[in-house]
Structures are given as structure tokens and as C-alpha cells.
Amino acid sequence: QVQLVESGGGLVQAGGSLRLSCKASGMIFRHNNMGWYRQAPGKQRELVALISTGGSTNYADSVKGRFTISRDNAENTVYLQMNSLKLEDTAVYYCYRKHIVIMTENWGQGTQVTVSS
């Protein structure tokens, strides 16, 4: 059974930084593209960042230059380093995985990030 467990969310002032972690289990981590999505109150879930099995990355325009996604295949963990946080980054952040062959997808339970002024 695949599990994705996020951690690292919290309350931070605008301009500050947070680092999210997502620990995966029940799957072969290196066979999965990984990512982070977020959902703000009253809004649809949106892509934040993706990282492929080969390490290629893709970011939403709104976070380019501020957020960095990375992965540690030895630790079965994907990270999201968030710098220069803005009020509009407030959301629940979800870890995501998609198997590169069978296309199975899973989501984590989410971690709250709140940016205050």
C-alpha cells in the first residue's frame, strides 16, 4: 500500500521560508515522478512543482525562482524548499506521485502552510 506522508508545514511570516518533506513507502520510489500540489480555500487544486525520475523539474509560474523541488531516492523522500513566501502561498500542500509505466497516482494527506503579514 502506497503511503505519502508530508511534514514541514506551519505558520510563517511573509518573506520567510519553509521546507516541506514527503516520505514515501509501499512503492519503488525511483520509478515514480513526484510532485507538489496545493489547494487554497475556495480554489481548485493546482500544480506547484514536479520532478521526474531523472531529476527534471517543472514549476508553476507563480513559484518560479522562489520554490525548489528535489528528491532523495535513497531516503524515498521529495522536498519542497519554499523561499520568499507570500500571502498567496497560503494553502494545503499535497505530495503526489505517478508511476512512470503503469501511471498509478497517489496523494498525501496534505500539510497546511499559512503565510501571515
Protein backbone atom coordinates (compact mmCIF):
# COMPACT_ATOMS: atom_id res chain seq x y z
CA GLN A 1 0.00 0.00 0.00
CA VAL A 2 1.45 3.31 -1.10
CA GLN A 3 1.71 5.99 1.56
CA LEU A 4 2.87 9.56 1.13
CA VAL A 5 3.39 11.42 4.41
CA GLU A 6 4.01 15.15 4.31
CA SER A 7 5.63 17.22 7.02
CA GLY A 8 7.13 20.65 7.49
CA GLY A 9 4.09 22.87 7.10
CA GLY A 10 3.26 25.62 9.53
CA LEU A 11 2.84 29.34 10.10
CA VAL A 12 5.44 31.71 8.68
CA GLN A 13 5.65 35.43 8.07
CA ALA A 14 5.69 36.81 4.56
CA GLY A 15 9.22 36.73 3.19
CA GLY A 16 10.12 33.71 5.26
CA SER A 17 10.97 30.15 4.30
CA LEU A 18 9.68 26.66 4.88
CA ARG A 19 10.82 23.23 3.75
CA LEU A 20 8.25 20.56 3.11
CA SER A 21 9.12 16.87 3.09
CA CYS A 22 7.21 13.90 1.75
CA LYS A 23 8.26 10.41 2.80
CA ALA A 24 7.04 7.65 0.51
CA SER A 25 6.56 3.99 1.31
CA GLY A 26 5.00 0.95 -0.31
CA MET A 27 6.43 1.71 -3.73
CA ILE A 28 9.70 1.78 -5.66
CA PHE A 29 10.44 5.47 -5.25
CA ARG A 30 12.84 5.84 -8.18
CA HIS A 31 10.16 4.56 -10.59
CA ASN A 32 7.87 7.46 -9.80
CA ASN A 33 7.62 11.04 -10.90
CA MET A 34 6.94 13.13 -7.79
CA GLY A 35 5.33 16.48 -7.22
CA TRP A 36 3.67 19.02 -5.01
CA TYR A 37 0.22 20.49 -5.48
CA ARG A 38 -1.65 22.99 -3.35
CA GLN A 39 -5.21 24.00 -2.68
CA ALA A 40 -6.25 27.30 -1.18
CA PRO A 41 -9.71 27.79 0.38
CA GLY A 42 -12.35 28.12 -2.29
CA LYS A 43 -9.92 27.33 -5.09
CA GLN A 44 -9.07 24.30 -7.19
CA ARG A 45 -6.01 22.20 -6.51
CA GLU A 46 -3.10 23.46 -8.60
CA LEU A 47 0.32 22.23 -9.58
CA VAL A 48 3.25 23.72 -7.70
CA ALA A 49 6.22 21.66 -8.86
CA LEU A 50 7.10 18.33 -10.43
CA ILE A 51 10.31 16.32 -10.51
CA SER A 52 10.85 13.38 -12.82
CA THR A 53 12.66 10.16 -12.12
CA GLY A 54 15.63 11.67 -13.91
CA GLY A 55 15.58 14.87 -11.89
CA SER A 56 13.99 17.19 -14.44
CA THR A 57 11.82 19.83 -12.80
CA ASN A 58 8.79 21.88 -13.72
CA TYR A 59 7.29 24.77 -11.76
CA ALA A 60 4.16 26.85 -11.74
CA ASP A 61 4.90 30.37 -12.94
CA SER A 62 3.77 31.75 -9.59
CA VAL A 63 6.57 29.97 -7.70
CA LYS A 64 9.45 30.04 -10.20
CA GLY A 65 12.58 31.45 -8.65
CA ARG A 66 11.21 31.05 -5.11
CA PHE A 67 10.50 27.33 -4.71
CA THR A 68 12.80 24.38 -5.36
CA ILE A 69 11.75 20.77 -5.62
CA SER A 70 14.26 17.98 -5.03
CA ARG A 71 14.30 14.28 -4.35
CA ASP A 72 16.45 11.83 -2.43
CA ASN A 73 15.96 8.36 -3.86
CA ALA A 74 17.97 6.77 -1.06
CA GLU A 75 15.59 8.25 1.52
CA ASN A 76 12.39 7.82 -0.55
CA THR A 77 11.71 11.50 0.07
CA VAL A 78 10.78 14.50 -2.02
CA TYR A 79 11.28 18.04 -0.75
CA LEU A 80 9.90 21.47 -1.49
CA GLN A 81 12.05 24.38 -0.38
CA MET A 82 9.90 27.49 -0.27
CA ASN A 83 11.59 30.88 0.00
CA SER A 84 10.27 34.44 -0.14
CA LEU A 85 6.84 33.22 0.85
CA LYS A 86 3.85 35.39 0.00
CA LEU A 87 0.38 35.62 1.48
CA GLU A 88 -0.99 33.95 -1.65
CA ASP A 89 1.12 30.85 -0.98
CA THR A 90 -1.22 30.01 1.90
CA ALA A 91 -2.77 26.62 1.12
CA VAL A 92 -2.80 22.94 1.94
CA TYR A 93 0.15 21.37 0.16
CA TYR A 94 -0.17 17.84 -1.15
CA CYS A 95 2.52 15.39 -2.14
CA TYR A 96 1.85 13.48 -5.36
CA ARG A 97 3.33 10.53 -7.19
CA LYS A 98 2.76 8.93 -10.56
CA HIS A 99 4.36 5.69 -11.66
CA ILE A 100 6.22 6.15 -14.92
CA VAL A 101 4.95 2.93 -16.52
CA ILE A 102 1.60 1.91 -15.06
CA MET A 103 0.56 5.54 -14.39
CA THR A 104 -0.84 4.82 -10.93
CA GLU A 105 -1.32 8.01 -8.91
CA ASN A 106 -1.48 8.73 -5.20
CA TRP A 107 -1.80 11.78 -2.97
CA GLY A 108 -0.67 12.51 0.53
CA GLN A 109 -2.99 13.78 3.23
CA GLY A 110 -1.73 17.34 2.93
CA THR A 111 0.09 19.79 5.16
CA GLN A 112 -1.08 23.31 5.92
CA VAL A 113 1.11 26.26 5.03
CA THR A 114 -0.05 29.63 6.32
CA VAL A 115 1.76 32.84 5.43
CA SER A 116 0.97 35.85 7.60
CA SER A 117 1.64 39.55 7.07
